[in-house]
Amino acid sequence: MYRKYSGYDRRRFQRLDLNILLLYRVNEPVFVRMQVGDKEIEATMLNLSEGGMGFLTKHNIPVMTELFIKFTLSKMDKNGGITFHGPMRIVGEVRSSTPVENDEYRLGVSFTKIKLQDRAEIINFIKTTLSL
């Protein structure tokens, strides 16, 4: 689960691999927003932690770009019932942008503004999912 670099774990938080839809919009800098457009863009979340996420997008978003991110988490209980939390609205900063196959980019995003309730729900979601 953890990515190793030079013999030590660079990540502060445990990440959960996922494949769910999210929406994001570029906030700053203005020149990036002008290039991409002031609209919500669909992307695929690859992993999630209480401190950030990784996702795939068709847009080359530079490091240090501030994003508004929106997604919903769902959980199934023991009886087969599904509960939803969200949509979560989180502000994040792009920390890495790596070209991958099919003209897509893998972005690593660190959360910079997140509600305490959303952070708690993410932590609970990760713990619950990993314990299954």
N, C-alpha and C. Protein backbone atom coordinates (compact mmCIF):
# COMPACT_ATOMS: atom_id res chain seq x y z
N MET A 1 0.81 -1.20 0.00
CA MET A 1 0.00 0.00 0.00
C MET A 1 0.86 1.26 0.00
N TYR A 2 1.94 1.27 0.78
CA TYR A 2 2.78 2.45 0.87
C TYR A 2 3.82 2.44 -0.23
N ARG A 3 4.11 3.61 -0.79
CA ARG A 3 5.15 3.74 -1.80
C ARG A 3 6.46 4.04 -1.08
N LYS A 4 7.48 3.28 -1.38
CA LYS A 4 8.78 3.45 -0.75
C LYS A 4 9.68 4.29 -1.65
N TYR A 5 10.52 5.09 -1.03
CA TYR A 5 11.49 5.89 -1.75
C TYR A 5 12.76 5.95 -0.93
N SER A 6 13.87 5.50 -1.50
CA SER A 6 15.17 5.50 -0.82
C SER A 6 15.10 4.82 0.55
N GLY A 7 14.30 3.76 0.67
CA GLY A 7 14.28 2.98 1.88
C GLY A 7 13.36 3.50 2.97
N TYR A 8 12.62 4.57 2.75
CA TYR A 8 11.70 5.05 3.77
C TYR A 8 10.38 5.47 3.13
N ASP A 9 9.35 5.50 3.94
CA ASP A 9 8.02 5.85 3.47
C ASP A 9 7.87 7.36 3.44
N ARG A 10 7.62 7.92 2.27
CA ARG A 10 7.48 9.37 2.12
C ARG A 10 6.12 9.87 2.55
N ARG A 11 5.13 9.02 2.60
CA ARG A 11 3.77 9.46 2.90
C ARG A 11 3.50 9.46 4.39
N ARG A 12 2.75 10.47 4.83
CA ARG A 12 2.39 10.56 6.23
C ARG A 12 1.15 9.75 6.56
N PHE A 13 0.27 9.53 5.57
CA PHE A 13 -1.00 8.87 5.81
C PHE A 13 -1.15 7.64 4.92
N GLN A 14 -1.83 6.63 5.45
CA GLN A 14 -2.10 5.43 4.68
C GLN A 14 -3.10 5.74 3.57
N ARG A 15 -2.83 5.22 2.39
CA ARG A 15 -3.71 5.47 1.24
C ARG A 15 -4.50 4.22 0.90
N LEU A 16 -5.71 4.46 0.43
CA LEU A 16 -6.60 3.40 0.00
C LEU A 16 -6.76 3.51 -1.51
N ASP A 17 -6.47 2.43 -2.24
CA ASP A 17 -6.66 2.42 -3.68
C ASP A 17 -8.14 2.39 -4.01
N LEU A 18 -8.56 3.25 -4.93
CA LEU A 18 -9.97 3.37 -5.32
C LEU A 18 -10.08 3.54 -6.83
N ASN A 19 -11.28 3.55 -7.30
CA ASN A 19 -11.57 3.86 -8.69
C ASN A 19 -12.96 4.50 -8.71
N ILE A 20 -13.02 5.79 -8.32
CA ILE A 20 -14.31 6.47 -8.27
C ILE A 20 -14.22 7.82 -8.98
N LEU A 21 -15.35 8.30 -9.40
CA LEU A 21 -15.45 9.56 -10.12
C LEU A 21 -15.32 10.73 -9.16
N LEU A 22 -14.63 11.76 -9.61
CA LEU A 22 -14.60 13.02 -8.88
C LEU A 22 -14.72 14.16 -9.88
N LEU A 23 -15.03 15.33 -9.37
CA LEU A 23 -15.06 16.54 -10.17
C LEU A 23 -14.07 17.52 -9.57
N TYR A 24 -13.36 18.26 -10.43
CA TYR A 24 -12.47 19.29 -9.93
C TYR A 24 -12.56 20.52 -10.82
N ARG A 25 -12.15 21.64 -10.24
CA ARG A 25 -12.11 22.90 -10.97
C ARG A 25 -10.84 23.62 -10.54
N VAL A 26 -10.14 24.20 -11.51
CA VAL A 26 -8.92 24.94 -11.21
C VAL A 26 -9.30 26.28 -10.59
N ASN A 27 -8.66 26.63 -9.47
CA ASN A 27 -8.88 27.92 -8.84
C ASN A 27 -7.74 28.88 -9.18
N GLU A 28 -6.53 28.53 -8.81
CA GLU A 28 -5.37 29.38 -9.05
C GLU A 28 -4.21 28.53 -9.53
N PRO A 29 -3.29 29.07 -10.27
CA PRO A 29 -3.20 30.43 -10.79
C PRO A 29 -4.17 30.66 -11.94
N VAL A 30 -4.42 31.93 -12.20
CA VAL A 30 -5.42 32.32 -13.21
C VAL A 30 -5.04 31.80 -14.60
N PHE A 31 -3.74 31.82 -14.95
CA PHE A 31 -3.37 31.38 -16.30
C PHE A 31 -3.71 29.91 -16.53
N VAL A 32 -3.64 29.08 -15.49
CA VAL A 32 -4.03 27.66 -15.63
C VAL A 32 -5.54 27.57 -15.80
N ARG A 33 -6.29 28.33 -15.00
CA ARG A 33 -7.75 28.33 -15.14
C ARG A 33 -8.15 28.78 -16.53
N MET A 34 -7.44 29.74 -17.10
CA MET A 34 -7.76 30.22 -18.45
C MET A 34 -7.46 29.13 -19.49
N GLN A 35 -6.39 28.38 -19.29
CA GLN A 35 -6.03 27.31 -20.23
C GLN A 35 -7.03 26.17 -20.19
N VAL A 36 -7.43 25.78 -18.97
CA VAL A 36 -8.30 24.62 -18.78
C VAL A 36 -9.77 25.01 -18.90
N GLY A 37 -10.09 26.22 -18.47
CA GLY A 37 -11.48 26.68 -18.47
C GLY A 37 -12.01 26.70 -17.04
N ASP A 38 -12.97 27.56 -16.81
CA ASP A 38 -13.57 27.69 -15.48
C ASP A 38 -14.79 26.79 -15.40
N LYS A 39 -14.53 25.49 -15.43
CA LYS A 39 -15.62 24.50 -15.42
C LYS A 39 -15.20 23.32 -14.57
N GLU A 40 -16.19 22.53 -14.15
CA GLU A 40 -15.89 21.29 -13.44
C GLU A 40 -15.46 20.24 -14.45
N ILE A 41 -14.41 19.51 -14.10
CA ILE A 41 -13.82 18.50 -14.99
C ILE A 41 -13.92 17.15 -14.29
N GLU A 42 -14.37 16.14 -15.03
CA GLU A 42 -14.43 14.78 -14.48
C GLU A 42 -13.04 14.16 -14.47
N ALA A 43 -12.77 13.39 -13.44
CA ALA A 43 -11.51 12.66 -13.32
C ALA A 43 -11.78 11.37 -12.55
N THR A 44 -10.79 10.48 -12.52
CA THR A 44 -10.90 9.21 -11.81
C THR A 44 -9.95 9.19 -10.62
N MET A 45 -10.51 9.08 -9.42
CA MET A 45 -9.70 8.99 -8.22
C MET A 45 -9.03 7.62 -8.18
N LEU A 46 -7.72 7.62 -7.95
CA LEU A 46 -6.95 6.38 -7.87
C LEU A 46 -6.69 5.94 -6.45
N ASN A 47 -6.49 6.92 -5.55
CA ASN A 47 -6.28 6.59 -4.15
C ASN A 47 -6.65 7.79 -3.30
N LEU A 48 -6.84 7.51 -2.00
CA LEU A 48 -7.33 8.52 -1.08
C LEU A 48 -6.70 8.30 0.29
N SER A 49 -6.33 9.40 0.95
CA SER A 49 -5.88 9.36 2.34
C SER A 49 -6.49 10.56 3.03
N GLU A 50 -6.30 10.66 4.34
CA GLU A 50 -6.85 11.81 5.04
C GLU A 50 -6.13 13.10 4.66
N GLY A 51 -4.96 12.98 4.05
CA GLY A 51 -4.20 14.17 3.69
C GLY A 51 -4.17 14.51 2.22
N GLY A 52 -4.69 13.62 1.36
CA GLY A 52 -4.63 13.90 -0.07
C GLY A 52 -5.14 12.75 -0.90
N MET A 53 -4.89 12.83 -2.20
CA MET A 53 -5.38 11.83 -3.14
C MET A 53 -4.53 11.83 -4.40
N GLY A 54 -4.70 10.78 -5.17
CA GLY A 54 -4.16 10.71 -6.51
C GLY A 54 -5.29 10.52 -7.48
N PHE A 55 -5.23 11.19 -8.64
CA PHE A 55 -6.27 10.97 -9.64
C PHE A 55 -5.75 11.15 -11.05
N LEU A 56 -6.49 10.60 -12.02
CA LEU A 56 -6.17 10.69 -13.44
C LEU A 56 -7.03 11.75 -14.10
N THR A 57 -6.41 12.55 -14.96
CA THR A 57 -7.12 13.58 -15.70
C THR A 57 -6.54 13.71 -17.10
N LYS A 58 -7.30 14.25 -18.01
CA LYS A 58 -6.84 14.50 -19.37
C LYS A 58 -6.05 15.81 -19.47
N HIS A 59 -6.04 16.59 -18.40
CA HIS A 59 -5.39 17.91 -18.42
C HIS A 59 -4.05 17.89 -17.71
N ASN A 60 -3.07 18.57 -18.30
CA ASN A 60 -1.75 18.71 -17.69
C ASN A 60 -1.81 19.89 -16.73
N ILE A 61 -2.06 19.60 -15.47
CA ILE A 61 -2.19 20.62 -14.44
C ILE A 61 -0.85 20.76 -13.72
N PRO A 62 -0.26 21.96 -13.72
CA PRO A 62 1.06 22.11 -13.11
C PRO A 62 1.06 22.00 -11.59
N VAL A 63 2.22 21.63 -11.06
CA VAL A 63 2.44 21.59 -9.62
C VAL A 63 2.18 22.98 -9.04
N MET A 64 1.66 23.02 -7.83
CA MET A 64 1.32 24.24 -7.08
C MET A 64 -0.03 24.84 -7.49
N THR A 65 -0.75 24.21 -8.41
CA THR A 65 -2.08 24.69 -8.80
C THR A 65 -3.07 24.34 -7.70
N GLU A 66 -3.94 25.30 -7.36
CA GLU A 66 -4.98 25.06 -6.36
C GLU A 66 -6.24 24.58 -7.06
N LEU A 67 -6.81 23.49 -6.54
CA LEU A 67 -8.01 22.88 -7.13
C LEU A 67 -9.14 22.85 -6.11
N PHE A 68 -10.37 23.03 -6.60
CA PHE A 68 -11.56 22.72 -5.83
C PHE A 68 -11.97 21.31 -6.26
N ILE A 69 -12.12 20.40 -5.30
CA ILE A 69 -12.40 19.00 -5.61
C ILE A 69 -13.71 18.60 -4.94
N LYS A 70 -14.52 17.83 -5.67
CA LYS A 70 -15.82 17.39 -5.15
C LYS A 70 -15.99 15.91 -5.46
N PHE A 71 -16.38 15.13 -4.40
CA PHE A 71 -16.65 13.71 -4.59
C PHE A 71 -17.54 13.23 -3.45
N THR A 72 -18.11 12.04 -3.65
CA THR A 72 -18.97 11.42 -2.65
C THR A 72 -18.44 10.03 -2.34
N LEU A 73 -18.41 9.68 -1.06
CA LEU A 73 -18.02 8.34 -0.64
C LEU A 73 -19.27 7.54 -0.31
N SER A 74 -19.26 6.25 -0.60
CA SER A 74 -20.37 5.38 -0.24
C SER A 74 -19.84 4.15 0.50
N LYS A 75 -20.63 3.69 1.46
CA LYS A 75 -20.27 2.51 2.24
C LYS A 75 -21.46 1.57 2.31
N MET A 76 -21.16 0.26 2.28
CA MET A 76 -22.20 -0.74 2.44
C MET A 76 -22.11 -1.31 3.85
N ASP A 77 -23.25 -1.37 4.54
CA ASP A 77 -23.25 -1.93 5.89
C ASP A 77 -23.45 -3.45 5.83
N LYS A 78 -23.46 -4.09 7.00
CA LYS A 78 -23.58 -5.55 7.09
C LYS A 78 -24.86 -6.08 6.47
N ASN A 79 -25.92 -5.27 6.47
CA ASN A 79 -27.22 -5.68 5.95
C ASN A 79 -27.39 -5.37 4.47
N GLY A 80 -26.35 -4.85 3.83
CA GLY A 80 -26.44 -4.53 2.41
C GLY A 80 -26.95 -3.13 2.12
N GLY A 81 -27.21 -2.36 3.16
CA GLY A 81 -27.64 -0.98 2.97
C GLY A 81 -26.46 -0.10 2.62
N ILE A 82 -26.70 0.92 1.82
CA ILE A 82 -25.63 1.81 1.39
C ILE A 82 -25.86 3.19 1.98
N THR A 83 -24.79 3.76 2.54
CA THR A 83 -24.85 5.12 3.05
C THR A 83 -23.85 5.97 2.26
N PHE A 84 -24.19 7.23 2.10
CA PHE A 84 -23.36 8.15 1.34
C PHE A 84 -22.89 9.29 2.23
N HIS A 85 -21.68 9.76 2.00
CA HIS A 85 -21.20 10.97 2.65
C HIS A 85 -20.71 11.90 1.56
N GLY A 86 -21.35 13.05 1.48
CA GLY A 86 -20.92 14.01 0.47
C GLY A 86 -22.10 14.67 -0.17
N PRO A 87 -21.86 15.47 -1.17
CA PRO A 87 -20.53 15.59 -1.75
C PRO A 87 -19.58 16.36 -0.85
N MET A 88 -18.35 15.86 -0.77
CA MET A 88 -17.29 16.56 -0.05
C MET A 88 -16.75 17.63 -0.98
N ARG A 89 -16.49 18.78 -0.43
CA ARG A 89 -15.90 19.89 -1.19
C ARG A 89 -14.59 20.26 -0.51
N ILE A 90 -13.50 19.95 -1.17
CA ILE A 90 -12.17 20.07 -0.58
C ILE A 90 -11.30 20.92 -1.49
N VAL A 91 -10.43 21.73 -0.89
CA VAL A 91 -9.44 22.48 -1.65
C VAL A 91 -8.12 21.73 -1.52
N GLY A 92 -7.43 21.57 -2.64
CA GLY A 92 -6.16 20.86 -2.63
C GLY A 92 -5.15 21.53 -3.53
N GLU A 93 -3.90 21.17 -3.31
CA GLU A 93 -2.80 21.70 -4.11
C GLU A 93 -2.11 20.56 -4.83
N VAL A 94 -1.88 20.73 -6.13
CA VAL A 94 -1.18 19.71 -6.91
C VAL A 94 0.27 19.67 -6.46
N ARG A 95 0.71 18.47 -6.03
CA ARG A 95 2.09 18.28 -5.58
C ARG A 95 2.92 17.54 -6.62
N SER A 96 2.24 16.78 -7.49
CA SER A 96 2.94 16.08 -8.56
C SER A 96 2.02 15.92 -9.75
N SER A 97 2.62 15.94 -10.93
CA SER A 97 1.88 15.74 -12.18
C SER A 97 2.76 14.92 -13.10
N THR A 98 2.30 13.69 -13.39
CA THR A 98 3.10 12.75 -14.16
C THR A 98 2.32 12.28 -15.38
N PRO A 99 2.89 12.42 -16.59
CA PRO A 99 2.21 11.88 -17.77
C PRO A 99 2.15 10.36 -17.70
N VAL A 100 1.00 9.81 -18.08
CA VAL A 100 0.82 8.36 -18.14
C VAL A 100 0.25 8.00 -19.51
N GLU A 101 -0.22 6.79 -19.68
CA GLU A 101 -0.75 6.34 -20.97
C GLU A 101 -2.02 7.10 -21.36
N ASN A 102 -2.38 6.99 -22.63
CA ASN A 102 -3.63 7.53 -23.18
C ASN A 102 -3.78 9.04 -22.99
N ASP A 103 -2.66 9.77 -23.08
CA ASP A 103 -2.68 11.24 -22.95
C ASP A 103 -3.34 11.69 -21.66
N GLU A 104 -3.09 10.96 -20.58
CA GLU A 104 -3.61 11.33 -19.27
C GLU A 104 -2.45 11.70 -18.35
N TYR A 105 -2.82 12.34 -17.25
CA TYR A 105 -1.84 12.75 -16.25
C TYR A 105 -2.30 12.25 -14.89
N ARG A 106 -1.34 11.76 -14.12
CA ARG A 106 -1.62 11.33 -12.75
C ARG A 106 -1.21 12.47 -11.84
N LEU A 107 -2.20 13.03 -11.14
CA LEU A 107 -1.93 14.13 -10.22
C LEU A 107 -1.90 13.61 -8.79
N GLY A 108 -0.93 14.08 -8.03
CA GLY A 108 -0.89 13.87 -6.59
C GLY A 108 -1.30 15.18 -5.95
N VAL A 109 -2.33 15.14 -5.12
CA VAL A 109 -2.91 16.36 -4.54
C VAL A 109 -2.89 16.26 -3.02
N SER A 110 -2.44 17.33 -2.39
CA SER A 110 -2.46 17.44 -0.93
C SER A 110 -3.62 18.35 -0.53
N PHE A 111 -4.43 17.91 0.43
CA PHE A 111 -5.56 18.72 0.88
C PHE A 111 -5.04 19.93 1.67
N THR A 112 -5.55 21.11 1.34
CA THR A 112 -5.17 22.33 2.05
C THR A 112 -6.32 22.90 2.86
N LYS A 113 -7.55 22.65 2.44
CA LYS A 113 -8.74 23.08 3.19
C LYS A 113 -9.77 21.96 3.13
N ILE A 114 -10.07 21.40 4.32
CA ILE A 114 -11.02 20.31 4.41
C ILE A 114 -11.78 20.44 5.72
N LYS A 115 -13.08 20.23 5.69
CA LYS A 115 -13.88 20.27 6.91
C LYS A 115 -13.49 19.11 7.81
N LEU A 116 -13.53 19.36 9.11
CA LEU A 116 -13.19 18.30 10.07
C LEU A 116 -14.08 17.08 9.90
N GLN A 117 -15.37 17.30 9.63
CA GLN A 117 -16.30 16.18 9.43
C GLN A 117 -15.91 15.35 8.21
N ASP A 118 -15.49 16.02 7.12
CA ASP A 118 -15.07 15.29 5.93
C ASP A 118 -13.79 14.51 6.18
N ARG A 119 -12.82 15.11 6.89
CA ARG A 119 -11.58 14.40 7.21
C ARG A 119 -11.89 13.16 8.06
N ALA A 120 -12.78 13.31 9.05
CA ALA A 120 -13.16 12.19 9.90
C ALA A 120 -13.84 11.09 9.08
N GLU A 121 -14.68 11.48 8.15
CA GLU A 121 -15.37 10.49 7.31
C GLU A 121 -14.39 9.75 6.41
N ILE A 122 -13.40 10.46 5.88
CA ILE A 122 -12.37 9.81 5.06
C ILE A 122 -11.58 8.80 5.90
N ILE A 123 -11.17 9.20 7.09
CA ILE A 123 -10.43 8.29 7.98
C ILE A 123 -11.26 7.05 8.28
N ASN A 124 -12.52 7.24 8.62
CA ASN A 124 -13.42 6.12 8.91
C ASN A 124 -13.61 5.23 7.69
N PHE A 125 -13.79 5.84 6.53
CA PHE A 125 -13.97 5.10 5.28
C PHE A 125 -12.75 4.22 5.00
N ILE A 126 -11.56 4.77 5.17
CA ILE A 126 -10.34 4.01 4.90
C ILE A 126 -10.20 2.86 5.89
N LYS A 127 -10.40 3.13 7.19
CA LYS A 127 -10.28 2.08 8.20
C LYS A 127 -11.30 0.98 7.96
N THR A 128 -12.54 1.35 7.69
CA THR A 128 -13.59 0.37 7.47
C THR A 128 -13.30 -0.48 6.24
N THR A 129 -12.88 0.14 5.16
CA THR A 129 -12.62 -0.59 3.92
C THR A 129 -11.42 -1.52 4.06
N LEU A 130 -10.37 -1.06 4.73
CA LEU A 130 -9.18 -1.90 4.89
C LEU A 130 -9.42 -3.08 5.82
N SER A 131 -10.41 -2.97 6.70
CA SER A 131 -10.68 -4.06 7.65
C SER A 131 -11.56 -5.14 7.04
N LEU A 132 -12.09 -4.94 5.84
CA LEU A 132 -12.96 -5.93 5.20
C LEU A 132 -12.17 -7.12 4.70
